[in-house]
Amino acid sequence: MPRILIVEDEPTVRDLLCELLGTSHECVAVGSAEEGLVILRTERFDAAITDVALRGMGGEEFLKAARGLDPGLPVIVMTGADSDERKFLEAGAFGFLLKPFRFEEIKEMVERALGSIS
């Protein structure tokens, strides 16, 4: 079963993503980028999803650090704010989702990300 790391500081969104993806993926959800990086140093994941606006270290910093730890890790970035999608894609994000998104969008992007693993 593919393992997905979810980095989201809003418990409701975090729980919803785990509920949505947990039927076909093993989800590990944390509330901060710092927690996510600690886990990435010791555990293997097939993909990661991060919010941009996090307390403490932001999603952009998490993206760069995660790609440094595991260059092949597909990282999906999501945000509710008007952000520059190109900036995240250039920094190595697999994909970018603007909140609110449809459940089908996140499922499809995760499946594409998992298909990109060689």
C-alpha atoms as a PDB file:
ATOM      1  CA  MET A   1       0.000   0.000   0.000  1.00  0.00           C
ATOM      2  CA  PRO A   2       1.519   3.382  -0.998  1.00  0.00           C
ATOM      3  CA  ARG A   3       2.525   5.637   1.889  1.00  0.00           C
ATOM      4  CA  ILE A   4       1.533   9.306   1.797  1.00  0.00           C
ATOM      5  CA  LEU A   5       2.874  11.979   4.149  1.00  0.00           C
ATOM      6  CA  ILE A   6       0.400  14.799   4.757  1.00  0.00           C
ATOM      7  CA  VAL A   7       1.707  18.072   6.203  1.00  0.00           C
ATOM      8  CA  GLU A   8      -1.239  20.286   7.162  1.00  0.00           C
ATOM      9  CA  ASP A   9      -1.663  22.418  10.276  1.00  0.00           C
ATOM     10  CA  GLU A  10      -5.471  22.540  10.135  1.00  0.00           C
ATOM     11  CA  PRO A  11      -6.750  19.376  11.888  1.00  0.00           C
ATOM     12  CA  THR A  12     -10.021  19.308   9.940  1.00  0.00           C
ATOM     13  CA  VAL A  13      -8.288  19.400   6.551  1.00  0.00           C
ATOM     14  CA  ARG A  14      -5.656  16.924   7.727  1.00  0.00           C
ATOM     15  CA  ASP A  15      -8.335  14.482   8.929  1.00  0.00           C
ATOM     16  CA  LEU A  16     -10.362  14.916   5.750  1.00  0.00           C
ATOM     17  CA  LEU A  17      -7.352  14.152   3.538  1.00  0.00           C
ATOM     18  CA  CYS A  18      -6.555  11.046   5.587  1.00  0.00           C
ATOM     19  CA  GLU A  19     -10.159   9.887   5.388  1.00  0.00           C
ATOM     20  CA  LEU A  20     -10.267  10.494   1.650  1.00  0.00           C
ATOM     21  CA  LEU A  21      -6.932   8.872   0.805  1.00  0.00           C
ATOM     22  CA  GLY A  22      -6.798   6.311   3.617  1.00  0.00           C
ATOM     23  CA  THR A  23      -8.970   3.758   1.858  1.00  0.00           C
ATOM     24  CA  SER A  24      -6.233   2.984  -0.666  1.00  0.00           C
ATOM     25  CA  HIS A  25      -3.113   4.530   0.873  1.00  0.00           C
ATOM     26  CA  GLU A  26      -1.343   4.472   4.214  1.00  0.00           C
ATOM     27  CA  CYS A  27      -1.516   8.076   5.430  1.00  0.00           C
ATOM     28  CA  VAL A  28       0.775   9.609   7.999  1.00  0.00           C
ATOM     29  CA  ALA A  29      -0.402  13.095   8.912  1.00  0.00           C
ATOM     30  CA  VAL A  30       1.495  15.743  10.841  1.00  0.00           C
ATOM     31  CA  GLY A  31       0.696  19.313  11.831  1.00  0.00           C
ATOM     32  CA  SER A  32       3.970  21.012  10.923  1.00  0.00           C
ATOM     33  CA  ALA A  33       6.734  21.003   8.339  1.00  0.00           C
ATOM     34  CA  GLU A  34       9.260  20.383  11.079  1.00  0.00           C
ATOM     35  CA  GLU A  35       7.453  17.179  12.124  1.00  0.00           C
ATOM     36  CA  GLY A  36       7.252  16.124   8.495  1.00  0.00           C
ATOM     37  CA  LEU A  37      10.999  16.488   8.003  1.00  0.00           C
ATOM     38  CA  VAL A  38      11.757  14.480  11.154  1.00  0.00           C
ATOM     39  CA  ILE A  39       9.640  11.620   9.810  1.00  0.00           C
ATOM     40  CA  LEU A  40      11.149  11.884   6.311  1.00  0.00           C
ATOM     41  CA  ARG A  41      14.610  11.381   7.783  1.00  0.00           C
ATOM     42  CA  THR A  42      13.675   7.961   9.160  1.00  0.00           C
ATOM     43  CA  GLU A  43      10.756   6.655   7.100  1.00  0.00           C
ATOM     44  CA  ARG A  44      10.076   6.123   3.416  1.00  0.00           C
ATOM     45  CA  PHE A  45       7.075   7.622   1.637  1.00  0.00           C
ATOM     46  CA  ASP A  46       5.792   7.310  -1.905  1.00  0.00           C
ATOM     47  CA  ALA A  47       4.436  10.887  -2.024  1.00  0.00           C
ATOM     48  CA  ALA A  48       3.859  13.913   0.192  1.00  0.00           C
ATOM     49  CA  ILE A  49       1.191  16.596   0.326  1.00  0.00           C
ATOM     50  CA  THR A  50       1.897  19.920   2.010  1.00  0.00           C
ATOM     51  CA  ASP A  51       0.002  23.100   2.628  1.00  0.00           C
ATOM     52  CA  VAL A  52       1.835  26.329   1.809  1.00  0.00           C
ATOM     53  CA  ALA A  53       0.737  28.343   4.853  1.00  0.00           C
ATOM     54  CA  LEU A  54       1.967  26.461   7.898  1.00  0.00           C
ATOM     55  CA  ARG A  55       2.867  27.688  11.360  1.00  0.00           C
ATOM     56  CA  GLY A  56       6.646  27.796  11.710  1.00  0.00           C
ATOM     57  CA  MET A  57       8.414  26.541   8.593  1.00  0.00           C
ATOM     58  CA  GLY A  58       6.290  27.140   5.517  1.00  0.00           C
ATOM     59  CA  GLY A  59       5.342  24.752   2.753  1.00  0.00           C
ATOM     60  CA  GLU A  60       7.886  26.160   0.316  1.00  0.00           C
ATOM     61  CA  GLU A  61      10.721  25.525   2.768  1.00  0.00           C
ATOM     62  CA  PHE A  62       9.325  22.050   3.464  1.00  0.00           C
ATOM     63  CA  LEU A  63       9.226  21.305  -0.256  1.00  0.00           C
ATOM     64  CA  LYS A  64      12.868  22.247  -0.735  1.00  0.00           C
ATOM     65  CA  ALA A  65      14.035  20.360   2.370  1.00  0.00           C
ATOM     66  CA  ALA A  66      11.980  17.266   1.498  1.00  0.00           C
ATOM     67  CA  ARG A  67      13.386  17.212  -2.023  1.00  0.00           C
ATOM     68  CA  GLY A  68      16.861  17.514  -0.485  1.00  0.00           C
ATOM     69  CA  LEU A  69      16.221  14.463   1.702  1.00  0.00           C
ATOM     70  CA  ASP A  70      14.551  12.427  -1.060  1.00  0.00           C
ATOM     71  CA  PRO A  71      14.989  13.929  -4.546  1.00  0.00           C
ATOM     72  CA  GLY A  72      12.578  11.399  -6.067  1.00  0.00           C
ATOM     73  CA  LEU A  73       9.721  12.125  -3.660  1.00  0.00           C
ATOM     74  CA  PRO A  74       6.720  13.615  -5.469  1.00  0.00           C
ATOM     75  CA  VAL A  75       5.482  16.553  -3.369  1.00  0.00           C
ATOM     76  CA  ILE A  76       2.042  18.033  -4.005  1.00  0.00           C
ATOM     77  CA  VAL A  77       1.599  21.600  -2.797  1.00  0.00           C
ATOM     78  CA  MET A  78      -1.817  22.987  -1.852  1.00  0.00           C
ATOM     79  CA  THR A  79      -2.870  26.447  -0.779  1.00  0.00           C
ATOM     80  CA  GLY A  80      -5.930  28.533  -0.110  1.00  0.00           C
ATOM     81  CA  ALA A  81      -4.055  31.737  -0.902  1.00  0.00           C
ATOM     82  CA  ASP A  82      -3.216  33.257  -4.241  1.00  0.00           C
ATOM     83  CA  SER A  83       0.269  31.856  -4.793  1.00  0.00           C
ATOM     84  CA  ASP A  84       2.611  31.616  -7.723  1.00  0.00           C
ATOM     85  CA  GLU A  85       2.154  28.050  -8.962  1.00  0.00           C
ATOM     86  CA  ARG A  86       5.190  28.314 -11.233  1.00  0.00           C
ATOM     87  CA  LYS A  87       7.442  29.125  -8.254  1.00  0.00           C
ATOM     88  CA  PHE A  88       6.510  25.842  -6.566  1.00  0.00           C
ATOM     89  CA  LEU A  89       6.803  23.785  -9.729  1.00  0.00           C
ATOM     90  CA  GLU A  90      10.243  25.279 -10.396  1.00  0.00           C
ATOM     91  CA  ALA A  91      11.224  24.418  -6.806  1.00  0.00           C
ATOM     92  CA  GLY A  92      10.441  20.776  -7.554  1.00  0.00           C
ATOM     93  CA  ALA A  93       6.770  20.322  -6.667  1.00  0.00           C
ATOM     94  CA  PHE A  94       5.058  17.505  -8.531  1.00  0.00           C
ATOM     95  CA  GLY A  95       1.780  19.410  -8.613  1.00  0.00           C
ATOM     96  CA  PHE A  96      -0.125  22.365  -7.230  1.00  0.00           C
ATOM     97  CA  LEU A  97      -3.724  22.531  -5.984  1.00  0.00           C
ATOM     98  CA  LEU A  98      -5.684  25.636  -5.084  1.00  0.00           C
ATOM     99  CA  LYS A  99      -8.126  25.211  -2.187  1.00  0.00           C
ATOM    100  CA  PRO A 100     -10.950  24.527  -2.220  1.00  0.00           C
ATOM    101  CA  PHE A 101     -10.359  21.605  -4.544  1.00  0.00           C
ATOM    102  CA  ARG A 102     -12.615  18.706  -5.423  1.00  0.00           C
ATOM    103  CA  PHE A 103     -11.837  15.355  -3.839  1.00  0.00           C
ATOM    104  CA  GLU A 104     -11.374  13.887  -7.299  1.00  0.00           C
ATOM    105  CA  GLU A 105      -8.608  16.416  -8.008  1.00  0.00           C
ATOM    106  CA  ILE A 106      -6.467  15.375  -5.053  1.00  0.00           C
ATOM    107  CA  LYS A 107      -7.074  11.679  -5.698  1.00  0.00           C
ATOM    108  CA  GLU A 108      -6.112  12.042  -9.361  1.00  0.00           C
ATOM    109  CA  MET A 109      -2.993  14.058  -8.570  1.00  0.00           C
ATOM    110  CA  VAL A 110      -1.862  11.530  -5.947  1.00  0.00           C
ATOM    111  CA  GLU A 111      -2.347   8.677  -8.408  1.00  0.00           C
ATOM    112  CA  ARG A 112      -0.368  10.559 -11.063  1.00  0.00           C
ATOM    113  CA  ALA A 113       2.380  11.240  -8.515  1.00  0.00           C
ATOM    114  CA  LEU A 114       2.516   7.563  -7.553  1.00  0.00           C
ATOM    115  CA  GLY A 115       2.678   6.633 -11.231  1.00  0.00           C
ATOM    116  CA  SER A 116       5.686   8.910 -11.665  1.00  0.00           C
ATOM    117  CA  ILE A 117       7.811   6.825  -9.305  1.00  0.00           C
ATOM    118  CA  SER A 118      10.268   4.683 -11.190  1.00  0.00           C
END
